[in-house]
């Protein structure tokens, strides 16, 4: 029995360590922190021109989601997984006074992050977001 439990424990740790991530974050620059969240189907690089035009002292955290930009897809429902990994990223990297700029689904994620981590989010800018994206894209998944 001990051997079986040990084997199952090892297997679960192995699977957890080899599971694909729901997000990839490319960090650059230094200064005031801005997290850029793209819309559904867009890679984080969609923000490149915006970042260049800010012309300031900013630390950019550019997010890409699983299933896009060469990142392996994850199982449904993926929205909550992405949100939880973003929360984990913010906490693990001790991001405070975080500014978030999100487009479409990224705006929805930004609003969810601001609601979950109000003491860490400084500003939220939503570009062309839906009030309830999940209802449009995944009507059978509860909010």
N, C-alpha and C. Protein backbone atom coordinates (compact mmCIF):
# COMPACT_ATOMS: atom_id res chain seq x y z
N UNK A 1 0.82 -1.20 0.00
CA UNK A 1 0.00 0.00 0.00
C UNK A 1 0.86 1.26 0.00
N UNK A 2 1.93 1.24 0.82
CA UNK A 2 2.83 2.39 0.86
C UNK A 2 3.46 2.64 -0.50
N UNK A 3 3.83 1.54 -1.16
CA UNK A 3 4.46 1.66 -2.48
C UNK A 3 3.49 2.29 -3.49
N UNK A 4 2.23 1.87 -3.42
CA UNK A 4 1.21 2.43 -4.31
C UNK A 4 1.01 3.92 -4.04
N UNK A 5 0.91 4.30 -2.79
CA UNK A 5 0.74 5.72 -2.43
C UNK A 5 1.95 6.53 -2.87
N UNK A 6 3.14 6.00 -2.67
CA UNK A 6 4.35 6.69 -3.09
C UNK A 6 4.37 6.87 -4.61
N UNK A 7 4.00 5.82 -5.33
CA UNK A 7 3.96 5.88 -6.80
C UNK A 7 2.93 6.90 -7.27
N UNK A 8 1.75 6.90 -6.68
CA UNK A 8 0.71 7.86 -7.06
C UNK A 8 1.12 9.29 -6.75
N UNK A 9 1.76 9.49 -5.61
CA UNK A 9 2.24 10.83 -5.25
C UNK A 9 3.27 11.31 -6.25
N UNK A 10 4.23 10.45 -6.58
CA UNK A 10 5.25 10.81 -7.55
C UNK A 10 4.62 11.14 -8.91
N UNK A 11 3.68 10.30 -9.33
CA UNK A 11 3.01 10.51 -10.61
C UNK A 11 2.27 11.84 -10.64
N UNK A 12 1.57 12.17 -9.57
CA UNK A 12 0.83 13.43 -9.54
C UNK A 12 1.77 14.62 -9.60
N UNK A 13 2.92 14.56 -8.89
CA UNK A 13 3.90 15.64 -8.96
C UNK A 13 4.51 15.74 -10.36
N UNK A 14 4.77 14.59 -10.96
CA UNK A 14 5.33 14.58 -12.30
C UNK A 14 4.37 15.21 -13.31
N UNK A 15 3.10 14.80 -13.24
CA UNK A 15 2.11 15.34 -14.17
C UNK A 15 1.93 16.84 -13.96
N UNK A 16 1.92 17.28 -12.73
CA UNK A 16 1.78 18.71 -12.44
C UNK A 16 2.98 19.49 -12.99
N UNK A 17 4.15 18.93 -12.89
CA UNK A 17 5.34 19.64 -13.35
C UNK A 17 5.46 19.65 -14.87
N UNK A 18 4.85 18.70 -15.55
CA UNK A 18 4.95 18.65 -17.01
C UNK A 18 3.72 19.25 -17.70
N UNK A 19 2.72 19.62 -16.94
CA UNK A 19 1.52 20.19 -17.53
C UNK A 19 1.85 21.54 -18.15
N UNK A 20 1.20 21.85 -19.27
CA UNK A 20 1.43 23.13 -19.92
C UNK A 20 0.86 24.28 -19.12
N UNK A 21 1.50 25.40 -19.25
CA UNK A 21 1.04 26.61 -18.57
C UNK A 21 -0.06 27.26 -19.38
N UNK A 22 -0.96 27.93 -18.70
CA UNK A 22 -2.06 28.61 -19.38
C UNK A 22 -1.64 29.99 -19.89
N UNK A 23 -0.51 30.49 -19.41
CA UNK A 23 -0.03 31.81 -19.84
C UNK A 23 1.47 31.78 -20.06
N UNK A 24 1.93 32.74 -20.85
CA UNK A 24 3.36 33.04 -20.95
C UNK A 24 3.47 34.55 -20.81
N UNK A 25 4.41 34.99 -20.01
CA UNK A 25 4.60 36.42 -19.79
C UNK A 25 6.00 36.80 -20.22
N UNK A 26 6.08 37.78 -21.12
CA UNK A 26 7.36 38.32 -21.55
C UNK A 26 7.54 39.66 -20.86
N UNK A 27 8.58 39.76 -20.07
CA UNK A 27 8.84 40.94 -19.25
C UNK A 27 9.99 41.73 -19.85
N UNK A 28 9.83 43.07 -19.88
CA UNK A 28 10.91 43.92 -20.37
C UNK A 28 10.81 45.31 -19.73
N UNK A 29 11.91 46.03 -19.78
CA UNK A 29 11.93 47.40 -19.28
C UNK A 29 11.99 47.49 -17.77
N UNK A 30 11.93 48.72 -17.29
CA UNK A 30 11.92 48.96 -15.85
C UNK A 30 11.14 50.24 -15.57
N UNK A 31 10.63 50.33 -14.38
CA UNK A 31 9.84 51.49 -13.98
C UNK A 31 8.44 51.09 -13.58
N UNK A 32 7.48 51.98 -13.84
CA UNK A 32 6.08 51.71 -13.51
C UNK A 32 5.63 50.44 -14.24
N UNK A 33 4.91 49.57 -13.52
CA UNK A 33 4.57 48.24 -14.04
C UNK A 33 3.22 48.27 -14.78
N UNK A 34 3.25 47.75 -16.02
CA UNK A 34 2.03 47.62 -16.82
C UNK A 34 1.93 46.18 -17.31
N UNK A 35 0.78 45.56 -17.09
CA UNK A 35 0.50 44.23 -17.64
C UNK A 35 -0.41 44.42 -18.84
N UNK A 36 -0.01 43.85 -19.97
CA UNK A 36 -0.79 43.93 -21.20
C UNK A 36 -1.47 42.59 -21.46
N UNK A 37 -2.80 42.62 -21.52
CA UNK A 37 -3.59 41.41 -21.74
C UNK A 37 -4.27 41.51 -23.11
N UNK A 38 -3.91 40.62 -24.04
CA UNK A 38 -4.52 40.68 -25.37
C UNK A 38 -5.93 40.10 -25.37
N UNK A 39 -6.61 40.29 -26.48
CA UNK A 39 -7.93 39.69 -26.66
C UNK A 39 -7.80 38.23 -27.05
N UNK A 40 -8.93 37.56 -27.11
CA UNK A 40 -8.98 36.16 -27.49
C UNK A 40 -8.40 35.99 -28.89
N UNK A 41 -7.60 35.01 -29.10
CA UNK A 41 -6.90 34.64 -30.34
C UNK A 41 -5.72 35.54 -30.68
N UNK A 42 -5.45 36.57 -29.89
CA UNK A 42 -4.34 37.46 -30.18
C UNK A 42 -3.13 37.11 -29.32
N UNK A 43 -1.94 37.13 -29.91
CA UNK A 43 -0.74 36.93 -29.10
C UNK A 43 -0.42 38.23 -28.37
N UNK A 44 0.40 38.13 -27.35
CA UNK A 44 0.80 39.32 -26.60
C UNK A 44 1.51 40.35 -27.46
N UNK A 45 2.12 39.89 -28.55
CA UNK A 45 2.85 40.82 -29.42
C UNK A 45 1.94 41.86 -30.07
N UNK A 46 0.64 41.69 -29.96
CA UNK A 46 -0.29 42.68 -30.49
C UNK A 46 -0.07 44.04 -29.81
N UNK A 47 0.56 44.03 -28.63
CA UNK A 47 0.80 45.26 -27.86
C UNK A 47 2.14 45.91 -28.19
N UNK A 48 2.93 45.35 -29.08
CA UNK A 48 4.28 45.87 -29.35
C UNK A 48 4.29 47.34 -29.74
N UNK A 49 3.42 47.73 -30.66
CA UNK A 49 3.38 49.12 -31.10
C UNK A 49 2.94 50.05 -29.97
N UNK A 50 1.99 49.61 -29.17
CA UNK A 50 1.54 50.41 -28.03
C UNK A 50 2.70 50.64 -27.06
N UNK A 51 3.44 49.57 -26.76
CA UNK A 51 4.57 49.68 -25.83
C UNK A 51 5.63 50.63 -26.38
N UNK A 52 5.91 50.55 -27.68
CA UNK A 52 6.88 51.45 -28.29
C UNK A 52 6.43 52.91 -28.20
N UNK A 53 5.14 53.15 -28.36
CA UNK A 53 4.61 54.51 -28.35
C UNK A 53 4.46 55.10 -26.95
N UNK A 54 4.52 54.29 -25.91
CA UNK A 54 4.44 54.82 -24.55
C UNK A 54 5.67 55.65 -24.20
N UNK A 55 6.80 55.30 -24.80
CA UNK A 55 8.04 56.06 -24.63
C UNK A 55 8.27 56.51 -23.20
N UNK A 56 8.20 55.58 -22.29
CA UNK A 56 8.42 55.94 -20.90
C UNK A 56 9.24 54.90 -20.19
N UNK A 57 9.37 55.12 -18.92
CA UNK A 57 10.09 54.20 -18.07
C UNK A 57 9.09 53.21 -17.50
N UNK A 58 8.82 52.16 -18.26
CA UNK A 58 7.82 51.18 -17.86
C UNK A 58 8.41 49.78 -17.84
N UNK A 59 7.92 48.98 -16.92
CA UNK A 59 8.21 47.56 -16.89
C UNK A 59 6.98 46.88 -17.48
N UNK A 60 7.13 46.30 -18.65
CA UNK A 60 6.01 45.68 -19.35
C UNK A 60 5.96 44.19 -19.08
N UNK A 61 4.77 43.69 -18.77
CA UNK A 61 4.52 42.25 -18.61
C UNK A 61 3.48 41.92 -19.69
N UNK A 62 3.94 41.36 -20.78
CA UNK A 62 3.09 41.09 -21.94
C UNK A 62 2.67 39.62 -21.91
N UNK A 63 1.36 39.40 -21.83
CA UNK A 63 0.81 38.06 -21.64
C UNK A 63 0.33 37.47 -22.96
N UNK A 64 0.61 36.19 -23.16
CA UNK A 64 0.00 35.40 -24.23
C UNK A 64 -0.69 34.21 -23.57
N UNK A 65 -1.77 33.74 -24.17
CA UNK A 65 -2.59 32.68 -23.58
C UNK A 65 -2.34 31.33 -24.25
N UNK A 66 -2.63 30.28 -23.51
CA UNK A 66 -2.52 28.92 -24.04
C UNK A 66 -3.39 28.78 -25.29
N UNK A 67 -2.84 28.08 -26.27
CA UNK A 67 -3.55 27.87 -27.52
C UNK A 67 -3.18 28.89 -28.59
N UNK A 68 -2.39 29.90 -28.21
CA UNK A 68 -2.01 30.95 -29.14
C UNK A 68 -0.53 31.27 -28.97
N UNK A 69 0.07 31.86 -29.99
CA UNK A 69 1.45 32.31 -29.93
C UNK A 69 2.41 31.16 -29.60
N UNK A 70 2.12 29.97 -30.12
CA UNK A 70 2.99 28.82 -29.93
C UNK A 70 2.88 28.14 -28.58
N UNK A 71 1.90 28.52 -27.77
CA UNK A 71 1.71 27.90 -26.46
C UNK A 71 0.68 26.78 -26.60
N UNK A 72 1.00 25.63 -26.03
CA UNK A 72 0.11 24.48 -26.13
C UNK A 72 -1.26 24.81 -25.53
N UNK A 73 -2.33 24.36 -26.18
CA UNK A 73 -3.69 24.58 -25.69
C UNK A 73 -3.93 23.81 -24.40
N UNK A 74 -4.88 24.30 -23.60
CA UNK A 74 -5.28 23.62 -22.37
C UNK A 74 -6.74 23.24 -22.48
N UNK A 75 -7.20 22.40 -21.56
CA UNK A 75 -8.57 21.91 -21.59
C UNK A 75 -9.58 22.98 -21.20
N UNK A 76 -10.81 22.78 -21.64
CA UNK A 76 -11.94 23.64 -21.26
C UNK A 76 -12.39 23.29 -19.86
N UNK A 77 -12.97 24.18 -19.14
CA UNK A 77 -13.05 25.61 -19.43
C UNK A 77 -11.73 26.29 -19.06
N UNK A 78 -11.15 26.99 -20.00
CA UNK A 78 -9.81 27.53 -19.85
C UNK A 78 -9.78 28.91 -19.21
N UNK A 79 -10.87 29.66 -19.25
CA UNK A 79 -10.86 31.04 -18.75
C UNK A 79 -10.43 31.10 -17.28
N UNK A 80 -11.04 30.28 -16.44
CA UNK A 80 -10.71 30.32 -15.01
C UNK A 80 -9.27 29.88 -14.77
N UNK A 81 -8.76 28.96 -15.57
CA UNK A 81 -7.37 28.53 -15.44
C UNK A 81 -6.43 29.67 -15.76
N UNK A 82 -6.72 30.39 -16.84
CA UNK A 82 -5.91 31.55 -17.22
C UNK A 82 -5.96 32.59 -16.10
N UNK A 83 -7.15 32.88 -15.61
CA UNK A 83 -7.30 33.88 -14.55
C UNK A 83 -6.50 33.49 -13.31
N UNK A 84 -6.61 32.24 -12.89
CA UNK A 84 -5.89 31.78 -11.69
C UNK A 84 -4.38 31.85 -11.88
N UNK A 85 -3.89 31.51 -13.08
CA UNK A 85 -2.45 31.61 -13.32
C UNK A 85 -1.98 33.06 -13.34
N UNK A 86 -2.83 33.96 -13.84
CA UNK A 86 -2.48 35.39 -13.79
C UNK A 86 -2.41 35.88 -12.35
N UNK A 87 -3.37 35.47 -11.53
CA UNK A 87 -3.35 35.85 -10.11
C UNK A 87 -2.08 35.32 -9.46
N UNK A 88 -1.77 34.05 -9.73
CA UNK A 88 -0.56 33.43 -9.18
C UNK A 88 0.69 34.18 -9.63
N UNK A 89 0.73 34.58 -10.90
CA UNK A 89 1.88 35.32 -11.43
C UNK A 89 2.04 36.66 -10.71
N UNK A 90 0.95 37.37 -10.54
CA UNK A 90 0.98 38.68 -9.87
C UNK A 90 1.48 38.53 -8.44
N UNK A 91 0.95 37.55 -7.72
CA UNK A 91 1.34 37.34 -6.32
C UNK A 91 2.80 36.86 -6.23
N UNK A 92 3.17 35.86 -7.03
CA UNK A 92 4.54 35.32 -6.97
C UNK A 92 5.59 36.36 -7.32
N UNK A 93 5.26 37.27 -8.23
CA UNK A 93 6.20 38.31 -8.64
C UNK A 93 6.06 39.58 -7.82
N UNK A 94 5.21 39.50 -6.79
CA UNK A 94 4.99 40.61 -5.86
C UNK A 94 4.70 41.92 -6.58
N UNK A 95 3.83 41.85 -7.60
CA UNK A 95 3.46 43.04 -8.35
C UNK A 95 2.45 43.85 -7.55
N UNK A 96 2.79 45.12 -7.32
CA UNK A 96 1.90 46.04 -6.60
C UNK A 96 1.81 47.31 -7.42
N UNK A 97 0.75 48.08 -7.20
CA UNK A 97 0.51 49.28 -8.01
C UNK A 97 0.54 48.93 -9.49
N UNK A 98 -0.02 47.77 -9.81
CA UNK A 98 -0.01 47.24 -11.16
C UNK A 98 -1.05 47.95 -12.02
N UNK A 99 -0.64 48.37 -13.19
CA UNK A 99 -1.55 48.92 -14.19
C UNK A 99 -1.83 47.81 -15.19
N UNK A 100 -3.08 47.66 -15.56
CA UNK A 100 -3.46 46.63 -16.53
C UNK A 100 -4.13 47.31 -17.72
N UNK A 101 -3.68 46.92 -18.90
CA UNK A 101 -4.34 47.35 -20.14
C UNK A 101 -4.79 46.07 -20.83
N UNK A 102 -6.09 45.93 -21.02
CA UNK A 102 -6.62 44.71 -21.61
C UNK A 102 -7.58 44.99 -22.76
N UNK A 103 -7.44 44.22 -23.81
CA UNK A 103 -8.32 44.34 -24.95
C UNK A 103 -9.30 43.16 -24.97
N UNK A 104 -10.58 43.45 -25.17
CA UNK A 104 -11.61 42.42 -25.31
C UNK A 104 -11.56 41.44 -24.14
N UNK A 105 -11.22 40.16 -24.40
CA UNK A 105 -11.15 39.20 -23.32
C UNK A 105 -10.11 39.63 -22.28
N UNK A 106 -9.05 40.28 -22.73
CA UNK A 106 -8.03 40.78 -21.81
C UNK A 106 -8.61 41.84 -20.87
N UNK A 107 -9.56 42.63 -21.37
CA UNK A 107 -10.24 43.61 -20.51
C UNK A 107 -11.11 42.92 -19.47
N UNK A 108 -11.78 41.85 -19.88
CA UNK A 108 -12.59 41.07 -18.94
C UNK A 108 -11.70 40.45 -17.88
N UNK A 109 -10.58 39.87 -18.30
CA UNK A 109 -9.63 39.31 -17.34
C UNK A 109 -9.10 40.39 -16.40
N UNK A 110 -8.81 41.56 -16.95
CA UNK A 110 -8.32 42.67 -16.12
C UNK A 110 -9.33 43.06 -15.06
N UNK A 111 -10.61 43.12 -15.43
CA UNK A 111 -11.65 43.46 -14.46
C UNK A 111 -11.74 42.38 -13.38
N UNK A 112 -11.63 41.12 -13.77
CA UNK A 112 -11.64 40.02 -12.80
C UNK A 112 -10.44 40.11 -11.86
N UNK A 113 -9.27 40.43 -12.41
CA UNK A 113 -8.07 40.56 -11.58
C UNK A 113 -8.21 41.73 -10.59
N UNK A 114 -8.76 42.84 -11.07
CA UNK A 114 -8.95 44.00 -10.18
C UNK A 114 -9.94 43.68 -9.06
N UNK A 115 -10.95 42.87 -9.36
CA UNK A 115 -11.92 42.47 -8.34
C UNK A 115 -11.30 41.52 -7.32
N UNK A 116 -10.43 40.64 -7.79
CA UNK A 116 -9.80 39.64 -6.91
C UNK A 116 -8.62 40.21 -6.13
N UNK A 117 -7.90 41.16 -6.71
CA UNK A 117 -6.69 41.71 -6.10
C UNK A 117 -6.75 43.24 -6.01
N UNK A 118 -7.77 43.80 -5.37
CA UNK A 118 -7.93 45.25 -5.39
C UNK A 118 -6.75 46.01 -4.76
N UNK A 119 -6.04 45.39 -3.83
CA UNK A 119 -4.91 46.04 -3.18
C UNK A 119 -3.64 46.04 -4.05
N UNK A 120 -3.67 45.34 -5.16
CA UNK A 120 -2.48 45.27 -6.03
C UNK A 120 -2.66 46.02 -7.35
N UNK A 121 -3.91 46.29 -7.73
CA UNK A 121 -4.17 46.91 -9.03
C UNK A 121 -4.34 48.42 -8.85
N UNK A 122 -3.55 49.18 -9.59
CA UNK A 122 -3.59 50.64 -9.51
C UNK A 122 -4.60 51.21 -10.52
N UNK A 123 -4.46 50.81 -11.78
CA UNK A 123 -5.34 51.30 -12.85
C UNK A 123 -5.71 50.13 -13.76
N UNK A 124 -6.90 50.25 -14.35
CA UNK A 124 -7.35 49.28 -15.35
C UNK A 124 -7.88 50.05 -16.54
N UNK A 125 -7.33 49.75 -17.70
CA UNK A 125 -7.81 50.34 -18.95
C UNK A 125 -8.35 49.20 -19.79
N UNK A 126 -9.61 49.27 -20.14
CA UNK A 126 -10.26 48.23 -20.95
C UNK A 126 -10.52 48.79 -22.34
N UNK A 127 -10.01 48.10 -23.34
CA UNK A 127 -10.18 48.50 -24.73
C UNK A 127 -11.15 47.54 -25.39
N UNK A 128 -12.32 48.04 -25.77
CA UNK A 128 -13.27 47.27 -26.55
C UNK A 128 -13.65 45.94 -25.91
N UNK A 129 -14.05 45.98 -24.64
CA UNK A 129 -14.39 44.75 -23.93
C UNK A 129 -15.88 44.47 -23.94
N UNK A 130 -16.22 43.20 -23.84
CA UNK A 130 -17.61 42.79 -23.69
C UNK A 130 -17.98 42.77 -22.21
N UNK A 131 -19.22 43.10 -21.86
CA UNK A 131 -19.60 43.07 -20.45
C UNK A 131 -19.61 41.66 -19.86
N UNK A 132 -19.89 40.65 -20.69
CA UNK A 132 -19.86 39.27 -20.19
C UNK A 132 -19.42 38.35 -21.33
N UNK A 133 -18.13 38.33 -21.57
CA UNK A 133 -17.56 37.56 -22.66
C UNK A 133 -17.89 36.07 -22.56
N UNK A 134 -17.88 35.55 -21.33
CA UNK A 134 -18.15 34.12 -21.17
C UNK A 134 -19.52 33.76 -21.72
N UNK A 135 -20.50 34.62 -21.55
CA UNK A 135 -21.85 34.34 -22.03
C UNK A 135 -21.87 34.21 -23.55
N UNK A 136 -21.06 34.98 -24.22
CA UNK A 136 -21.00 34.95 -25.69
C UNK A 136 -20.23 33.73 -26.19
N UNK A 137 -19.07 33.46 -25.57
CA UNK A 137 -18.18 32.41 -26.07
C UNK A 137 -18.44 31.04 -25.48
N UNK A 138 -18.88 31.00 -24.23
CA UNK A 138 -19.07 29.72 -23.55
C UNK A 138 -20.36 29.79 -22.72
N UNK A 139 -21.51 29.81 -23.37
CA UNK A 139 -22.76 30.05 -22.64
C UNK A 139 -23.10 29.02 -21.56
N UNK A 140 -22.55 27.84 -21.63
CA UNK A 140 -22.88 26.82 -20.64
C UNK A 140 -21.89 26.78 -19.46
N UNK A 141 -20.90 27.67 -19.47
CA UNK A 141 -19.92 27.72 -18.39
C UNK A 141 -20.34 28.81 -17.42
N UNK A 142 -20.58 28.46 -16.17
CA UNK A 142 -21.03 29.48 -15.21
C UNK A 142 -19.95 30.52 -14.96
N UNK A 143 -20.38 31.74 -14.72
CA UNK A 143 -19.45 32.87 -14.49
C UNK A 143 -18.79 32.72 -13.15
